[in-house]
Amino acid sequence: MIGTDSHTPNAGGLGMLAIGVGGADAVDVMVGMPWELLFPKVIGVKLTGKLSGWASAKDVILKVAGITTVKGGTG
């Protein structure tokens, strides 16, 4: 389902594949135009050992995001 605002998480909660879009994209879909989804390159990360000190899983995620950047996620 293509949704806007609160419709997207509500549909996802019902078990649908729900993708949130802006208003212009939603209008395009409602009039029958095709809609495409670009996705970033998939990478694999193998973690070993334990986190130490104040480190958390979020720190690992932010580090990987910083290394890979978000360039290429639009357009």
PDB file of N, CA and C in Angstrom:
ATOM      1  N   MET A   1       0.832  -1.163   0.000  1.00  0.00           N
ATOM      2  CA  MET A   1       0.000   0.000   0.000  1.00  0.00           C
ATOM      3  C   MET A   1       0.883   1.234   0.000  1.00  0.00           C
ATOM      4  N   ILE A   2       0.515   2.199  -0.796  1.00  0.00           N
ATOM      5  CA  ILE A   2       1.169   3.499  -0.774  1.00  0.00           C
ATOM      6  C   ILE A   2       0.335   4.376   0.156  1.00  0.00           C
ATOM      7  N   GLY A   3       0.952   4.939   1.171  1.00  0.00           N
ATOM      8  CA  GLY A   3       0.188   5.719   2.138  1.00  0.00           C
ATOM      9  C   GLY A   3       0.857   7.041   2.463  1.00  0.00           C
ATOM     10  N   THR A   4       0.085   7.921   3.063  1.00  0.00           N
ATOM     11  CA  THR A   4       0.603   9.195   3.542  1.00  0.00           C
ATOM     12  C   THR A   4       0.225   9.340   5.008  1.00  0.00           C
ATOM     13  N   ASP A   5       0.976  10.131   5.725  1.00  0.00           N
ATOM     14  CA  ASP A   5       0.699  10.461   7.128  1.00  0.00           C
ATOM     15  C   ASP A   5       0.518   9.200   7.965  1.00  0.00           C
ATOM     16  N   SER A   6      -0.511   9.151   8.792  1.00  0.00           N
ATOM     17  CA  SER A   6      -0.701   8.033   9.717  1.00  0.00           C
ATOM     18  C   SER A   6      -1.240   6.783   9.033  1.00  0.00           C
ATOM     19  N   HIS A   7      -1.657   6.877   7.785  1.00  0.00           N
ATOM     20  CA  HIS A   7      -2.166   5.693   7.093  1.00  0.00           C
ATOM     21  C   HIS A   7      -1.076   4.639   6.913  1.00  0.00           C
ATOM     22  N   THR A   8       0.151   5.073   6.744  1.00  0.00           N
ATOM     23  CA  THR A   8       1.243   4.133   6.487  1.00  0.00           C
ATOM     24  C   THR A   8       1.519   3.222   7.682  1.00  0.00           C
ATOM     25  N   PRO A   9       1.786   3.743   8.886  1.00  0.00           N
ATOM     26  CA  PRO A   9       2.038   2.825  10.000  1.00  0.00           C
ATOM     27  C   PRO A   9       0.807   2.012  10.380  1.00  0.00           C
ATOM     28  N   ASN A  10      -0.380   2.566  10.193  1.00  0.00           N
ATOM     29  CA  ASN A  10      -1.588   1.803  10.503  1.00  0.00           C
ATOM     30  C   ASN A  10      -1.728   0.604   9.578  1.00  0.00           C
ATOM     31  N   ALA A  11      -1.461   0.801   8.296  1.00  0.00           N
ATOM     32  CA  ALA A  11      -1.537  -0.311   7.342  1.00  0.00           C
ATOM     33  C   ALA A  11      -0.443  -1.328   7.636  1.00  0.00           C
ATOM     34  N   GLY A  12       0.767  -0.838   7.965  1.00  0.00           N
ATOM     35  CA  GLY A  12       1.854  -1.744   8.319  1.00  0.00           C
ATOM     36  C   GLY A  12       1.507  -2.578   9.541  1.00  0.00           C
ATOM     37  N   GLY A  13       0.807  -1.972  10.499  1.00  0.00           N
ATOM     38  CA  GLY A  13       0.385  -2.693  11.692  1.00  0.00           C
ATOM     39  C   GLY A  13      -0.639  -3.776  11.397  1.00  0.00           C
ATOM     40  N   LEU A  14      -1.334  -3.650  10.292  1.00  0.00           N
ATOM     41  CA  LEU A  14      -2.312  -4.668   9.883  1.00  0.00           C
ATOM     42  C   LEU A  14      -1.674  -5.767   9.048  1.00  0.00           C
ATOM     43  N   GLY A  15      -0.386  -5.679   8.827  1.00  0.00           N
ATOM     44  CA  GLY A  15       0.323  -6.731   8.110  1.00  0.00           C
ATOM     45  C   GLY A  15       0.549  -6.445   6.634  1.00  0.00           C
ATOM     46  N   MET A  16       0.248  -5.257   6.168  1.00  0.00           N
ATOM     47  CA  MET A  16       0.489  -4.916   4.760  1.00  0.00           C
ATOM     48  C   MET A  16       1.913  -4.441   4.582  1.00  0.00           C
ATOM     49  N   LEU A  17       2.397  -4.500   3.367  1.00  0.00           N
ATOM     50  CA  LEU A  17       3.630  -3.816   3.020  1.00  0.00           C
ATOM     51  C   LEU A  17       3.216  -2.390   2.723  1.00  0.00           C
ATOM     52  N   ALA A  18       3.533  -1.464   3.611  1.00  0.00           N
ATOM     53  CA  ALA A  18       3.089  -0.083   3.490  1.00  0.00           C
ATOM     54  C   ALA A  18       4.291   0.830   3.321  1.00  0.00           C
ATOM     55  N   ILE A  19       4.253   1.652   2.291  1.00  0.00           N
ATOM     56  CA  ILE A  19       5.349   2.567   1.992  1.00  0.00           C
ATOM     57  C   ILE A  19       4.821   3.986   2.067  1.00  0.00           C
ATOM     58  N   GLY A  20       5.448   4.815   2.900  1.00  0.00           N
ATOM     59  CA  GLY A  20       5.017   6.200   3.043  1.00  0.00           C
ATOM     60  C   GLY A  20       5.592   7.071   1.948  1.00  0.00           C
ATOM     61  N   VAL A  21       4.739   7.879   1.345  1.00  0.00           N
ATOM     62  CA  VAL A  21       5.168   8.779   0.269  1.00  0.00           C
ATOM     63  C   VAL A  21       4.602  10.166   0.520  1.00  0.00           C
ATOM     64  N   GLY A  22       5.072  11.118  -0.250  1.00  0.00           N
ATOM     65  CA  GLY A  22       4.536  12.472  -0.194  1.00  0.00           C
ATOM     66  C   GLY A  22       3.218  12.568  -0.943  1.00  0.00           C
ATOM     67  N   GLY A  23       2.545  13.686  -0.772  1.00  0.00           N
ATOM     68  CA  GLY A  23       1.231  13.871  -1.372  1.00  0.00           C
ATOM     69  C   GLY A  23       1.220  13.758  -2.883  1.00  0.00           C
ATOM     70  N   ALA A  24       2.231  14.318  -3.562  1.00  0.00           N
ATOM     71  CA  ALA A  24       2.262  14.273  -5.028  1.00  0.00           C
ATOM     72  C   ALA A  24       2.387  12.836  -5.531  1.00  0.00           C
ATOM     73  N   ASP A  25       3.222  12.031  -4.871  1.00  0.00           N
ATOM     74  CA  ASP A  25       3.350  10.626  -5.266  1.00  0.00           C
ATOM     75  C   ASP A  25       2.048   9.872  -5.033  1.00  0.00           C
ATOM     76  N   ALA A  26       1.375  10.160  -3.934  1.00  0.00           N
ATOM     77  CA  ALA A  26       0.107   9.491  -3.644  1.00  0.00           C
ATOM     78  C   ALA A  26      -0.937   9.815  -4.712  1.00  0.00           C
ATOM     79  N   VAL A  27      -0.978  11.066  -5.158  1.00  0.00           N
ATOM     80  CA  VAL A  27      -1.924  11.458  -6.207  1.00  0.00           C
ATOM     81  C   VAL A  27      -1.603  10.717  -7.500  1.00  0.00           C
ATOM     82  N   ASP A  28      -0.323  10.610  -7.847  1.00  0.00           N
ATOM     83  CA  ASP A  28       0.062   9.882  -9.054  1.00  0.00           C
ATOM     84  C   ASP A  28      -0.435   8.446  -9.017  1.00  0.00           C
ATOM     85  N   VAL A  29      -0.282   7.795  -7.872  1.00  0.00           N
ATOM     86  CA  VAL A  29      -0.725   6.406  -7.734  1.00  0.00           C
ATOM     87  C   VAL A  29      -2.246   6.311  -7.838  1.00  0.00           C
ATOM     88  N   MET A  30      -2.956   7.265  -7.228  1.00  0.00           N
ATOM     89  CA  MET A  30      -4.425   7.225  -7.263  1.00  0.00           C
ATOM     90  C   MET A  30      -4.987   7.374  -8.674  1.00  0.00           C
ATOM     91  N   VAL A  31      -4.269   8.055  -9.562  1.00  0.00           N
ATOM     92  CA  VAL A  31      -4.759   8.209 -10.930  1.00  0.00           C
ATOM     93  C   VAL A  31      -4.232   7.118 -11.852  1.00  0.00           C
ATOM     94  N   GLY A  32      -3.522   6.142 -11.280  1.00  0.00           N
ATOM     95  CA  GLY A  32      -3.110   4.977 -12.051  1.00  0.00           C
ATOM     96  C   GLY A  32      -1.720   5.033 -12.659  1.00  0.00           C
ATOM     97  N   MET A  33      -0.945   6.041 -12.317  1.00  0.00           N
ATOM     98  CA  MET A  33       0.420   6.107 -12.847  1.00  0.00           C
ATOM     99  C   MET A  33       1.300   5.088 -12.117  1.00  0.00           C
ATOM    100  N   PRO A  34       2.284   4.516 -12.812  1.00  0.00           N
ATOM    101  CA  PRO A  34       3.179   3.566 -12.137  1.00  0.00           C
ATOM    102  C   PRO A  34       4.059   4.287 -11.117  1.00  0.00           C
ATOM    103  N   TRP A  35       4.420   3.562 -10.087  1.00  0.00           N
ATOM    104  CA  TRP A  35       5.265   4.131  -9.035  1.00  0.00           C
ATOM    105  C   TRP A  35       6.445   3.196  -8.833  1.00  0.00           C
ATOM    106  N   GLU A  36       7.656   3.748  -8.784  1.00  0.00           N
ATOM    107  CA  GLU A  36       8.867   2.950  -8.625  1.00  0.00           C
ATOM    108  C   GLU A  36       9.538   3.249  -7.296  1.00  0.00           C
ATOM    109  N   LEU A  37      10.263   2.277  -6.808  1.00  0.00           N
ATOM    110  CA  LEU A  37      11.002   2.435  -5.559  1.00  0.00           C
ATOM    111  C   LEU A  37      12.461   2.111  -5.811  1.00  0.00           C
ATOM    112  N   LEU A  38      13.333   3.077  -5.569  1.00  0.00           N
ATOM    113  CA  LEU A  38      14.766   2.841  -5.651  1.00  0.00           C
ATOM    114  C   LEU A  38      15.248   2.363  -4.290  1.00  0.00           C
ATOM    115  N   PHE A  39      16.179   1.449  -4.279  1.00  0.00           N
ATOM    116  CA  PHE A  39      16.693   1.000  -2.996  1.00  0.00           C
ATOM    117  C   PHE A  39      18.217   1.010  -3.024  1.00  0.00           C
ATOM    118  N   PRO A  40      18.824   1.212  -1.862  1.00  0.00           N
ATOM    119  CA  PRO A  40      20.286   1.288  -1.800  1.00  0.00           C
ATOM    120  C   PRO A  40      20.929  -0.093  -1.937  1.00  0.00           C
ATOM    121  N   LYS A  41      22.236  -0.076  -2.167  1.00  0.00           N
ATOM    122  CA  LYS A  41      22.994  -1.321  -2.235  1.00  0.00           C
ATOM    123  C   LYS A  41      22.898  -2.033  -0.882  1.00  0.00           C
ATOM    124  N   VAL A  42      22.732  -3.337  -0.909  1.00  0.00           N
ATOM    125  CA  VAL A  42      22.658  -4.129   0.319  1.00  0.00           C
ATOM    126  C   VAL A  42      24.077  -4.529   0.715  1.00  0.00           C
ATOM    127  N   ILE A  43      24.406  -4.337   1.987  1.00  0.00           N
ATOM    128  CA  ILE A  43      25.734  -4.715   2.479  1.00  0.00           C
ATOM    129  C   ILE A  43      25.578  -5.706   3.621  1.00  0.00           C
ATOM    130  N   GLY A  44      26.615  -6.444   3.891  1.00  0.00           N
ATOM    131  CA  GLY A  44      26.622  -7.366   5.018  1.00  0.00           C
ATOM    132  C   GLY A  44      27.661  -6.920   6.039  1.00  0.00           C
ATOM    133  N   VAL A  45      27.328  -7.065   7.297  1.00  0.00           N
ATOM    134  CA  VAL A  45      28.240  -6.702   8.373  1.00  0.00           C
ATOM    135  C   VAL A  45      28.285  -7.867   9.351  1.00  0.00           C
ATOM    136  N   LYS A  46      29.485  -8.369   9.610  1.00  0.00           N
ATOM    137  CA  LYS A  46      29.626  -9.458  10.576  1.00  0.00           C
ATOM    138  C   LYS A  46      30.280  -8.895  11.838  1.00  0.00           C
ATOM    139  N   LEU A  47      29.569  -8.980  12.935  1.00  0.00           N
ATOM    140  CA  LEU A  47      30.066  -8.463  14.205  1.00  0.00           C
ATOM    141  C   LEU A  47      30.588  -9.618  15.051  1.00  0.00           C
ATOM    142  N   THR A  48      31.720  -9.402  15.683  1.00  0.00           N
ATOM    143  CA  THR A  48      32.279 -10.414  16.576  1.00  0.00           C
ATOM    144  C   THR A  48      32.641  -9.751  17.896  1.00  0.00           C
ATOM    145  N   GLY A  49      32.734 -10.524  18.931  1.00  0.00           N
ATOM    146  CA  GLY A  49      33.111  -9.983  20.238  1.00  0.00           C
ATOM    147  C   GLY A  49      31.942  -9.329  20.953  1.00  0.00           C
ATOM    148  N   LYS A  50      32.258  -8.470  21.921  1.00  0.00           N
ATOM    149  CA  LYS A  50      31.238  -7.790  22.719  1.00  0.00           C
ATOM    150  C   LYS A  50      31.486  -6.292  22.700  1.00  0.00           C
ATOM    151  N   LEU A  51      30.409  -5.552  22.888  1.00  0.00           N
ATOM    152  CA  LEU A  51      30.540  -4.104  23.031  1.00  0.00           C
ATOM    153  C   LEU A  51      31.088  -3.810  24.424  1.00  0.00           C
ATOM    154  N   SER A  52      31.909  -2.792  24.528  1.00  0.00           N
ATOM    155  CA  SER A  52      32.476  -2.478  25.839  1.00  0.00           C
ATOM    156  C   SER A  52      32.092  -1.073  26.273  1.00  0.00           C
ATOM    157  N   GLY A  53      32.167  -0.836  27.551  1.00  0.00           N
ATOM    158  CA  GLY A  53      31.896   0.486  28.098  1.00  0.00           C
ATOM    159  C   GLY A  53      30.478   0.953  27.826  1.00  0.00           C
ATOM    160  N   TRP A  54      30.383   2.187  27.350  1.00  0.00           N
ATOM    161  CA  TRP A  54      29.072   2.795  27.115  1.00  0.00           C
ATOM    162  C   TRP A  54      28.571   2.562  25.696  1.00  0.00           C
ATOM    163  N   ALA A  55      29.244   1.750  24.921  1.00  0.00           N
ATOM    164  CA  ALA A  55      28.839   1.500  23.541  1.00  0.00           C
ATOM    165  C   ALA A  55      27.526   0.718  23.505  1.00  0.00           C
ATOM    166  N   SER A  56      26.712   1.012  22.492  1.00  0.00           N
ATOM    167  CA  SER A  56      25.442   0.302  22.325  1.00  0.00           C
ATOM    168  C   SER A  56      25.279  -0.108  20.865  1.00  0.00           C
ATOM    169  N   ALA A  57      24.253  -0.883  20.595  1.00  0.00           N
ATOM    170  CA  ALA A  57      23.967  -1.305  19.229  1.00  0.00           C
ATOM    171  C   ALA A  57      23.731  -0.094  18.321  1.00  0.00           C
ATOM    172  N   LYS A  58      23.140   0.956  18.872  1.00  0.00           N
ATOM    173  CA  LYS A  58      22.900   2.165  18.078  1.00  0.00           C
ATOM    174  C   LYS A  58      24.213   2.787  17.619  1.00  0.00           C
ATOM    175  N   ASP A  59      25.258   2.712  18.438  1.00  0.00           N
ATOM    176  CA  ASP A  59      26.569   3.228  18.048  1.00  0.00           C
ATOM    177  C   ASP A  59      27.113   2.476  16.827  1.00  0.00           C
ATOM    178  N   VAL A  60      26.886   1.183  16.798  1.00  0.00           N
ATOM    179  CA  VAL A  60      27.331   0.375  15.658  1.00  0.00           C
ATOM    180  C   VAL A  60      26.569   0.796  14.402  1.00  0.00           C
ATOM    181  N   ILE A  61      25.272   0.954  14.513  1.00  0.00           N
ATOM    182  CA  ILE A  61      24.446   1.366  13.375  1.00  0.00           C
ATOM    183  C   ILE A  61      24.880   2.723  12.850  1.00  0.00           C
ATOM    184  N   LEU A  62      25.107   3.676  13.756  1.00  0.00           N
ATOM    185  CA  LEU A  62      25.527   5.014  13.339  1.00  0.00           C
ATOM    186  C   LEU A  62      26.905   4.994  12.677  1.00  0.00           C
ATOM    187  N   LYS A  63      27.796   4.144  13.154  1.00  0.00           N
ATOM    188  CA  LYS A  63      29.125   4.032  12.545  1.00  0.00           C
ATOM    189  C   LYS A  63      29.020   3.493  11.119  1.00  0.00           C
ATOM    190  N   VAL A  64      28.232   2.430  10.931  1.00  0.00           N
ATOM    191  CA  VAL A  64      28.065   1.862   9.591  1.00  0.00           C
ATOM    192  C   VAL A  64      27.400   2.887   8.664  1.00  0.00           C
ATOM    193  N   ALA A  65      26.402   3.609   9.167  1.00  0.00           N
ATOM    194  CA  ALA A  65      25.747   4.640   8.361  1.00  0.00           C
ATOM    195  C   ALA A  65      26.730   5.737   7.981  1.00  0.00           C
ATOM    196  N   GLY A  66      27.593   6.106   8.896  1.00  0.00           N
ATOM    197  CA  GLY A  66      28.596   7.118   8.604  1.00  0.00           C
ATOM    198  C   GLY A  66      29.608   6.681   7.568  1.00  0.00           C
ATOM    199  N   ILE A  67      29.955   5.398   7.579  1.00  0.00           N
ATOM    200  CA  ILE A  67      30.907   4.877   6.607  1.00  0.00           C
ATOM    201  C   ILE A  67      30.282   4.796   5.221  1.00  0.00           C
ATOM    202  N   THR A  68      29.064   4.322   5.152  1.00  0.00           N
ATOM    203  CA  THR A  68      28.430   4.098   3.848  1.00  0.00           C
ATOM    204  C   THR A  68      27.762   5.352   3.303  1.00  0.00           C
ATOM    205  N   THR A  69      27.393   6.300   4.145  1.00  0.00           N
ATOM    206  CA  THR A  69      26.667   7.530   3.809  1.00  0.00           C
ATOM    207  C   THR A  69      25.311   7.206   3.192  1.00  0.00           C
ATOM    208  N   VAL A  70      24.533   8.229   2.950  1.00  0.00           N
ATOM    209  CA  VAL A  70      23.216   8.034   2.345  1.00  0.00           C
ATOM    210  C   VAL A  70      23.199   8.475   0.888  1.00  0.00           C
ATOM    211  N   LYS A  71      24.372   8.806   0.340  1.00  0.00           N
ATOM    212  CA  LYS A  71      24.434   9.243  -1.054  1.00  0.00           C
ATOM    213  C   LYS A  71      23.917   8.129  -1.964  1.00  0.00           C
ATOM    214  N   GLY A  72      23.089   8.477  -2.904  1.00  0.00           N
ATOM    215  CA  GLY A  72      22.535   7.492  -3.833  1.00  0.00           C
ATOM    216  C   GLY A  72      21.158   7.011  -3.424  1.00  0.00           C
ATOM    217  N   GLY A  73      20.657   7.465  -2.295  1.00  0.00           N
ATOM    218  CA  GLY A  73      19.331   7.041  -1.852  1.00  0.00           C
ATOM    219  C   GLY A  73      18.205   7.833  -2.478  1.00  0.00           C
ATOM    220  N   THR A  74      18.530   8.860  -3.279  1.00  0.00           N
ATOM    221  CA  THR A  74      17.496   9.652  -3.925  1.00  0.00           C
ATOM    222  C   THR A  74      17.771   9.729  -5.417  1.00  0.00           C
ATOM    223  N   GLY A  75      16.784  10.238  -6.143  1.00  0.00           N
ATOM    224  CA  GLY A  75      16.985  10.458  -7.566  1.00  0.00           C
ATOM    225  C   GLY A  75      16.596   9.293  -8.399  1.00  0.00           C
TER     226      GLY A  75
END
